[in-house]
Amino acid sequence: MADSLSPSGIIEAFGKALEFPEPYGRNWDALIDCLRYLPDSTGYVLIVKSIDRLWKSDPNLYYKLTHILRDIGQESHSWKNERIPFKTILLTEDSELIRVVGCSL
């Protein structure tokens, strides 16, 4: 099993939590595609717990993931070409991280 704070660990965790279909490419492009085409719904709220662990472990990986989630939230649509709201909530107790991130997601 991949380290949960590695790129492959993060991608695998999203795939498992959101039940991405097999075969699932297990790379950044596959993650983005699967997030773009989640099953139709009235909207999605994704809650990421303990995001400060990733921030402290690998800030570059943190920025990559949060930028992907931000971009998906700005463009989220369904296979029917309808806009589907997609919001991400990052949970942390680290006041420094809250100051750095603000409310940009």
Protein backbone atom coordinates (compact mmCIF):
# COMPACT_ATOMS: atom_id res chain seq x y z
CA MET A 1 0.00 0.00 0.00
CA ALA A 2 1.27 3.48 -0.88
CA ASP A 3 2.17 6.05 1.75
CA SER A 4 -1.01 8.07 2.37
CA LEU A 5 0.94 11.34 1.97
CA SER A 6 2.51 10.37 -1.36
CA PRO A 7 0.98 11.24 -4.73
CA SER A 8 -0.01 7.60 -5.31
CA GLY A 9 -1.44 7.33 -1.77
CA ILE A 10 -3.56 10.44 -2.23
CA ILE A 11 -4.79 9.36 -5.65
CA GLU A 12 -5.60 5.89 -4.35
CA ALA A 13 -7.47 7.31 -1.33
CA PHE A 14 -9.66 9.48 -3.58
CA GLY A 15 -10.38 6.51 -5.84
CA LYS A 16 -11.39 4.33 -2.93
CA ALA A 17 -13.45 6.99 -1.12
CA LEU A 18 -15.30 8.08 -4.26
CA GLU A 19 -15.56 4.56 -5.72
CA PHE A 20 -13.92 5.37 -9.03
CA PRO A 21 -14.62 2.73 -11.67
CA GLU A 22 -12.11 0.06 -12.64
CA PRO A 23 -9.90 0.31 -14.50
CA TYR A 24 -8.91 3.59 -12.87
CA GLY A 25 -5.59 4.98 -14.15
CA ARG A 26 -4.31 5.94 -10.67
CA ASN A 27 -2.46 9.07 -11.81
CA TRP A 28 -3.18 12.81 -11.64
CA ASP A 29 -4.90 12.89 -15.06
CA ALA A 30 -7.14 9.95 -14.12
CA LEU A 31 -8.01 11.62 -10.80
CA ILE A 32 -8.98 14.83 -12.61
CA ASP A 33 -11.07 12.95 -15.18
CA CYS A 34 -12.87 10.93 -12.52
CA LEU A 35 -13.61 14.06 -10.47
CA ARG A 36 -14.93 15.81 -13.58
CA TYR A 37 -17.29 12.97 -14.37
CA LEU A 38 -18.64 11.85 -11.02
CA PRO A 39 -22.11 10.31 -11.30
CA ASP A 40 -24.83 12.88 -11.82
CA SER A 41 -26.01 14.52 -8.65
CA THR A 42 -27.37 17.86 -7.54
CA GLY A 43 -23.88 18.62 -6.25
CA TYR A 44 -20.89 17.40 -4.29
CA VAL A 45 -19.20 18.48 -1.07
CA LEU A 46 -15.83 16.85 -0.54
CA ILE A 47 -14.39 16.95 2.99
CA VAL A 48 -10.64 16.41 3.32
CA LYS A 49 -9.64 15.72 6.93
CA SER A 50 -6.27 16.63 8.45
CA ILE A 51 -5.04 18.52 5.39
CA ASP A 52 -2.34 20.03 7.63
CA ARG A 53 -0.53 16.67 7.58
CA LEU A 54 -0.01 17.05 3.84
CA TRP A 55 0.91 20.74 4.17
CA LYS A 56 3.62 19.92 6.72
CA SER A 57 4.87 16.85 4.87
CA ASP A 58 5.00 18.22 1.32
CA PRO A 59 3.79 21.77 0.60
CA ASN A 60 4.24 21.30 -3.16
CA LEU A 61 2.00 18.23 -3.14
CA TYR A 62 -0.50 20.15 -0.98
CA TYR A 63 -0.62 22.94 -3.58
CA LYS A 64 -0.98 20.44 -6.44
CA LEU A 65 -3.93 18.72 -4.79
CA THR A 66 -5.69 21.90 -3.66
CA HIS A 67 -5.28 23.50 -7.08
CA ILE A 68 -6.82 20.42 -8.71
CA LEU A 69 -9.75 20.56 -6.29
CA ARG A 70 -10.14 24.32 -6.82
CA ASP A 71 -10.11 23.93 -10.60
CA ILE A 72 -12.65 21.10 -10.52
CA GLY A 73 -14.88 23.26 -8.33
CA GLN A 74 -14.70 26.07 -10.85
CA GLU A 75 -15.49 23.91 -13.87
CA SER A 76 -17.50 20.99 -12.50
CA HIS A 77 -19.93 19.54 -15.01
CA SER A 78 -21.61 16.25 -15.78
CA TRP A 79 -21.57 14.01 -18.82
CA LYS A 80 -24.85 15.74 -19.74
CA ASN A 81 -22.98 19.09 -19.94
CA GLU A 82 -24.84 20.47 -16.91
CA ARG A 83 -22.97 22.37 -14.21
CA ILE A 84 -22.83 20.37 -11.00
CA PRO A 85 -21.68 22.25 -7.87
CA PHE A 86 -18.46 20.78 -6.44
CA LYS A 87 -17.13 22.23 -3.19
CA THR A 88 -14.18 21.18 -1.07
CA ILE A 89 -13.84 21.68 2.68
CA LEU A 90 -10.34 21.31 4.10
CA LEU A 91 -10.26 20.47 7.81
CA THR A 92 -7.28 21.60 9.86
CA GLU A 93 -6.42 22.85 13.31
CA ASP A 94 -3.22 24.54 12.12
CA SER A 95 -3.72 28.30 12.33
CA GLU A 96 -0.73 28.92 10.01
CA LEU A 97 -2.34 26.82 7.30
CA ILE A 98 -5.62 28.67 7.69
CA ARG A 99 -3.76 31.97 7.26
CA VAL A 100 -1.90 30.73 4.16
CA VAL A 101 -4.90 29.19 2.43
CA GLY A 102 -7.59 31.64 3.41
CA CYS A 103 -10.80 30.98 1.55
CA SER A 104 -9.44 30.44 -1.95
CA LEU A 105 -11.04 27.02 -2.39
